[in-house]
Amino acid sequence: MVVVGKFRNRAELRKHARRQFQYTARIFVDKETSPIKCTIVDVSASGAHVVLQKEQDLPDHFSLMFTESGSMRRNCRVVWHTGPNLGVAFVSKPPQQSSVK
């Protein structure tokens, strides 16, 4: 990795290569909350960049459902959240109730 001054390319910091991916998905928070529509814009083995339809607060952990039925899903931890954009890391434990970002 080449670092010049304090400027670093975000892609150079990733452990796994991201690939562009335009896919409609849903965020599942809990049984009381309706799934939230979102778009996955890029994905890697360890995480994804997700764009919400509108800016909103989310808990630190949730499930990202790749299918309508939820048969294909990944447990996620929010790494960063700016406006309607968020970066998530895929984790092995199921989502827990946690603070709202």
N, C-alpha and C. Protein backbone atom coordinates (compact mmCIF):
# COMPACT_ATOMS: atom_id res chain seq x y z
N MET A 1 0.84 -1.16 0.00
CA MET A 1 0.00 0.00 0.00
C MET A 1 0.89 1.23 0.00
N VAL A 2 0.57 2.18 -0.84
CA VAL A 2 1.31 3.42 -0.93
C VAL A 2 0.50 4.51 -0.24
N VAL A 3 1.13 5.17 0.71
CA VAL A 3 0.47 6.26 1.42
C VAL A 3 1.31 7.51 1.23
N VAL A 4 0.68 8.56 0.74
CA VAL A 4 1.36 9.83 0.54
C VAL A 4 0.70 10.85 1.45
N GLY A 5 1.45 11.37 2.40
CA GLY A 5 0.86 12.31 3.34
C GLY A 5 -0.23 11.64 4.13
N LYS A 6 -1.34 12.33 4.32
CA LYS A 6 -2.46 11.77 5.07
C LYS A 6 -3.59 11.31 4.16
N PHE A 7 -3.29 11.21 2.86
CA PHE A 7 -4.31 10.82 1.89
C PHE A 7 -4.16 9.35 1.57
N ARG A 8 -5.23 8.58 1.82
CA ARG A 8 -5.20 7.16 1.53
C ARG A 8 -6.46 6.81 0.77
N ASN A 9 -6.33 5.96 -0.20
CA ASN A 9 -7.47 5.49 -0.98
C ASN A 9 -8.23 4.48 -0.12
N ARG A 10 -9.53 4.72 0.07
CA ARG A 10 -10.35 3.84 0.91
C ARG A 10 -10.27 2.38 0.44
N ALA A 11 -10.24 2.16 -0.88
CA ALA A 11 -10.18 0.80 -1.42
C ALA A 11 -8.89 0.10 -0.99
N GLU A 12 -7.81 0.84 -0.81
CA GLU A 12 -6.55 0.23 -0.42
C GLU A 12 -6.59 -0.31 1.01
N LEU A 13 -7.51 0.18 1.83
CA LEU A 13 -7.60 -0.23 3.22
C LEU A 13 -8.44 -1.49 3.42
N ARG A 14 -9.14 -1.92 2.42
CA ARG A 14 -10.03 -3.07 2.55
C ARG A 14 -9.26 -4.38 2.54
N LYS A 15 -9.74 -5.32 3.36
CA LYS A 15 -9.13 -6.65 3.41
C LYS A 15 -9.54 -7.50 2.22
N HIS A 16 -10.76 -7.28 1.72
CA HIS A 16 -11.29 -8.05 0.59
C HIS A 16 -11.74 -7.10 -0.51
N ALA A 17 -11.48 -7.48 -1.74
CA ALA A 17 -11.87 -6.65 -2.88
C ALA A 17 -13.39 -6.54 -2.97
N ARG A 18 -13.86 -5.34 -3.26
CA ARG A 18 -15.29 -5.11 -3.45
C ARG A 18 -15.61 -5.24 -4.92
N ARG A 19 -16.82 -5.70 -5.21
CA ARG A 19 -17.26 -5.70 -6.60
C ARG A 19 -18.58 -4.97 -6.67
N GLN A 20 -18.74 -4.22 -7.76
CA GLN A 20 -19.96 -3.46 -7.97
C GLN A 20 -21.14 -4.42 -8.02
N PHE A 21 -22.25 -3.99 -7.45
CA PHE A 21 -23.37 -4.89 -7.26
C PHE A 21 -24.62 -4.04 -7.07
N GLN A 22 -25.51 -3.98 -8.00
CA GLN A 22 -26.76 -3.23 -7.87
C GLN A 22 -27.87 -4.23 -7.60
N TYR A 23 -28.28 -4.34 -6.33
CA TYR A 23 -29.25 -5.35 -5.97
C TYR A 23 -30.18 -4.81 -4.89
N THR A 24 -31.47 -4.96 -5.09
CA THR A 24 -32.44 -4.53 -4.09
C THR A 24 -32.51 -5.57 -2.99
N ALA A 25 -32.42 -5.10 -1.76
CA ALA A 25 -32.45 -6.00 -0.60
C ALA A 25 -33.33 -5.36 0.47
N ARG A 26 -33.38 -6.00 1.63
CA ARG A 26 -34.16 -5.47 2.75
C ARG A 26 -33.36 -5.64 4.04
N ILE A 27 -33.53 -4.66 4.92
CA ILE A 27 -32.90 -4.72 6.24
C ILE A 27 -33.97 -5.16 7.23
N PHE A 28 -33.67 -6.22 7.97
CA PHE A 28 -34.59 -6.75 8.97
C PHE A 28 -34.01 -6.43 10.35
N VAL A 29 -34.75 -5.60 11.10
CA VAL A 29 -34.28 -5.17 12.41
C VAL A 29 -34.84 -6.08 13.51
N ASP A 30 -36.16 -6.23 13.53
CA ASP A 30 -36.82 -7.09 14.52
C ASP A 30 -38.23 -7.42 14.03
N LYS A 31 -38.91 -8.25 14.79
CA LYS A 31 -40.25 -8.71 14.38
C LYS A 31 -41.29 -7.59 14.40
N GLU A 32 -41.06 -6.55 15.20
CA GLU A 32 -42.03 -5.45 15.30
C GLU A 32 -41.85 -4.40 14.20
N THR A 33 -40.73 -4.41 13.50
CA THR A 33 -40.43 -3.40 12.49
C THR A 33 -40.51 -4.00 11.09
N SER A 34 -41.19 -3.32 10.19
CA SER A 34 -41.26 -3.80 8.81
C SER A 34 -39.87 -3.75 8.19
N PRO A 35 -39.54 -4.71 7.31
CA PRO A 35 -38.24 -4.67 6.63
C PRO A 35 -38.07 -3.36 5.87
N ILE A 36 -36.86 -2.84 5.85
CA ILE A 36 -36.54 -1.56 5.22
C ILE A 36 -35.88 -1.83 3.87
N LYS A 37 -36.49 -1.28 2.80
CA LYS A 37 -35.92 -1.47 1.46
C LYS A 37 -34.61 -0.71 1.33
N CYS A 38 -33.66 -1.32 0.63
CA CYS A 38 -32.36 -0.70 0.41
C CYS A 38 -31.75 -1.27 -0.88
N THR A 39 -30.63 -0.70 -1.28
CA THR A 39 -29.90 -1.18 -2.45
C THR A 39 -28.47 -1.48 -2.03
N ILE A 40 -27.98 -2.63 -2.39
CA ILE A 40 -26.58 -2.97 -2.15
C ILE A 40 -25.82 -2.50 -3.39
N VAL A 41 -24.86 -1.59 -3.21
CA VAL A 41 -24.14 -1.04 -4.36
C VAL A 41 -22.78 -1.68 -4.59
N ASP A 42 -22.19 -2.23 -3.55
CA ASP A 42 -21.01 -3.07 -3.75
C ASP A 42 -20.91 -4.04 -2.59
N VAL A 43 -20.21 -5.14 -2.83
CA VAL A 43 -20.16 -6.21 -1.84
C VAL A 43 -18.80 -6.90 -1.89
N SER A 44 -18.38 -7.44 -0.75
CA SER A 44 -17.16 -8.24 -0.68
C SER A 44 -17.44 -9.42 0.24
N ALA A 45 -16.44 -10.24 0.47
CA ALA A 45 -16.62 -11.38 1.36
C ALA A 45 -16.87 -10.94 2.80
N SER A 46 -16.43 -9.73 3.15
CA SER A 46 -16.53 -9.29 4.54
C SER A 46 -17.57 -8.21 4.80
N GLY A 47 -18.18 -7.61 3.75
CA GLY A 47 -19.14 -6.55 4.00
C GLY A 47 -19.73 -5.97 2.73
N ALA A 48 -20.45 -4.86 2.90
CA ALA A 48 -21.14 -4.25 1.76
C ALA A 48 -21.36 -2.76 2.00
N HIS A 49 -21.61 -2.06 0.90
CA HIS A 49 -22.05 -0.66 0.93
C HIS A 49 -23.53 -0.70 0.58
N VAL A 50 -24.34 -0.17 1.47
CA VAL A 50 -25.79 -0.22 1.34
C VAL A 50 -26.33 1.21 1.28
N VAL A 51 -27.32 1.43 0.41
CA VAL A 51 -27.96 2.75 0.31
C VAL A 51 -29.45 2.58 0.65
N LEU A 52 -29.90 3.34 1.63
CA LEU A 52 -31.31 3.33 2.02
C LEU A 52 -32.11 4.21 1.07
N GLN A 53 -33.42 4.00 1.01
CA GLN A 53 -34.26 4.85 0.16
C GLN A 53 -34.36 6.25 0.73
N LYS A 54 -34.22 6.39 2.04
CA LYS A 54 -34.20 7.69 2.70
C LYS A 54 -33.34 7.57 3.95
N GLU A 55 -32.82 8.70 4.39
CA GLU A 55 -31.99 8.71 5.59
C GLU A 55 -32.82 8.30 6.79
N GLN A 56 -32.31 7.39 7.61
CA GLN A 56 -33.01 6.99 8.82
C GLN A 56 -32.05 6.33 9.79
N ASP A 57 -32.45 6.31 11.05
CA ASP A 57 -31.63 5.69 12.08
C ASP A 57 -31.79 4.18 12.02
N LEU A 58 -30.70 3.48 12.32
CA LEU A 58 -30.70 2.03 12.35
C LEU A 58 -29.94 1.56 13.59
N PRO A 59 -30.25 0.37 14.09
CA PRO A 59 -29.46 -0.17 15.19
C PRO A 59 -28.06 -0.57 14.69
N ASP A 60 -27.17 -0.83 15.62
CA ASP A 60 -25.80 -1.23 15.27
C ASP A 60 -25.73 -2.57 14.56
N HIS A 61 -26.68 -3.47 14.85
CA HIS A 61 -26.71 -4.81 14.25
C HIS A 61 -28.08 -5.09 13.65
N PHE A 62 -28.09 -5.78 12.51
CA PHE A 62 -29.33 -6.18 11.86
C PHE A 62 -29.04 -7.28 10.85
N SER A 63 -30.09 -7.83 10.23
CA SER A 63 -29.93 -8.82 9.17
C SER A 63 -30.20 -8.15 7.84
N LEU A 64 -29.38 -8.45 6.85
CA LEU A 64 -29.56 -7.95 5.49
C LEU A 64 -30.12 -9.11 4.68
N MET A 65 -31.36 -8.96 4.20
CA MET A 65 -32.03 -10.04 3.48
C MET A 65 -31.84 -9.84 1.98
N PHE A 66 -31.25 -10.82 1.33
CA PHE A 66 -31.00 -10.76 -0.11
C PHE A 66 -32.18 -11.28 -0.91
N THR A 67 -33.09 -12.01 -0.25
CA THR A 67 -34.27 -12.54 -0.94
C THR A 67 -35.53 -12.05 -0.22
N GLU A 68 -36.63 -11.99 -0.93
CA GLU A 68 -37.91 -11.56 -0.37
C GLU A 68 -38.31 -12.41 0.83
N SER A 69 -38.07 -13.72 0.75
CA SER A 69 -38.45 -14.63 1.82
C SER A 69 -37.49 -14.59 3.00
N GLY A 70 -36.31 -14.02 2.79
CA GLY A 70 -35.31 -13.99 3.86
C GLY A 70 -34.49 -15.26 3.93
N SER A 71 -34.64 -16.15 2.94
CA SER A 71 -33.90 -17.41 2.96
C SER A 71 -32.40 -17.19 2.77
N MET A 72 -32.03 -16.10 2.10
CA MET A 72 -30.62 -15.73 1.94
C MET A 72 -30.42 -14.43 2.69
N ARG A 73 -29.70 -14.48 3.81
CA ARG A 73 -29.47 -13.28 4.61
C ARG A 73 -28.10 -13.33 5.26
N ARG A 74 -27.61 -12.15 5.63
CA ARG A 74 -26.33 -12.03 6.33
C ARG A 74 -26.55 -11.15 7.56
N ASN A 75 -25.97 -11.55 8.68
CA ASN A 75 -25.99 -10.73 9.88
C ASN A 75 -24.95 -9.62 9.69
N CYS A 76 -25.31 -8.40 10.05
CA CYS A 76 -24.45 -7.24 9.79
C CYS A 76 -24.21 -6.40 11.03
N ARG A 77 -23.06 -5.73 11.02
CA ARG A 77 -22.71 -4.72 12.01
C ARG A 77 -22.41 -3.44 11.25
N VAL A 78 -23.02 -2.33 11.65
CA VAL A 78 -22.78 -1.06 10.97
C VAL A 78 -21.37 -0.57 11.31
N VAL A 79 -20.59 -0.28 10.25
CA VAL A 79 -19.23 0.22 10.41
C VAL A 79 -19.21 1.74 10.27
N TRP A 80 -19.97 2.24 9.32
CA TRP A 80 -20.11 3.69 9.12
C TRP A 80 -21.50 3.97 8.58
N HIS A 81 -22.00 5.19 8.83
CA HIS A 81 -23.36 5.56 8.42
C HIS A 81 -23.37 7.06 8.16
N THR A 82 -23.50 7.45 6.91
CA THR A 82 -23.55 8.86 6.51
C THR A 82 -24.76 9.08 5.62
N GLY A 83 -25.74 9.83 6.13
CA GLY A 83 -26.96 10.05 5.36
C GLY A 83 -27.64 8.72 5.06
N PRO A 84 -28.05 8.50 3.80
CA PRO A 84 -28.70 7.25 3.45
C PRO A 84 -27.71 6.12 3.14
N ASN A 85 -26.40 6.40 3.20
CA ASN A 85 -25.36 5.40 2.90
C ASN A 85 -24.81 4.78 4.17
N LEU A 86 -24.57 3.47 4.11
CA LEU A 86 -23.91 2.84 5.24
C LEU A 86 -23.02 1.70 4.77
N GLY A 87 -21.97 1.50 5.52
CA GLY A 87 -21.08 0.38 5.28
C GLY A 87 -21.30 -0.63 6.38
N VAL A 88 -21.42 -1.89 6.01
CA VAL A 88 -21.66 -2.94 7.00
C VAL A 88 -20.60 -4.02 6.88
N ALA A 89 -20.29 -4.62 8.02
CA ALA A 89 -19.42 -5.79 8.06
C ALA A 89 -20.31 -6.99 8.32
N PHE A 90 -20.05 -8.09 7.61
CA PHE A 90 -20.80 -9.31 7.86
C PHE A 90 -20.23 -9.97 9.11
N VAL A 91 -21.11 -10.37 10.01
CA VAL A 91 -20.71 -11.00 11.27
C VAL A 91 -21.40 -12.34 11.41
N SER A 92 -20.85 -13.19 12.27
CA SER A 92 -21.41 -14.53 12.41
C SER A 92 -22.57 -14.60 13.40
N LYS A 93 -22.62 -13.71 14.40
CA LYS A 93 -23.71 -13.77 15.37
C LYS A 93 -24.96 -13.07 14.85
N PRO A 94 -26.12 -13.56 15.27
CA PRO A 94 -27.37 -12.91 14.86
C PRO A 94 -27.45 -11.51 15.46
N PRO A 95 -28.29 -10.65 14.87
CA PRO A 95 -28.44 -9.29 15.37
C PRO A 95 -28.95 -9.28 16.81
N GLN A 96 -28.52 -8.26 17.55
CA GLN A 96 -28.98 -8.06 18.92
C GLN A 96 -29.60 -6.68 19.01
N GLN A 97 -30.43 -6.48 19.97
CA GLN A 97 -30.96 -5.13 20.20
C GLN A 97 -29.80 -4.29 20.70
N SER A 98 -29.60 -3.14 20.07
CA SER A 98 -28.51 -2.25 20.48
C SER A 98 -28.91 -0.81 20.22
N SER A 99 -27.99 0.08 20.52
CA SER A 99 -28.28 1.50 20.38
C SER A 99 -28.57 1.88 18.93
N VAL A 100 -29.31 2.96 18.79
CA VAL A 100 -29.65 3.47 17.46
C VAL A 100 -28.57 4.44 17.03
N LYS A 101 -28.16 4.34 15.76
CA LYS A 101 -27.13 5.25 15.23
C LYS A 101 -27.78 6.49 14.71
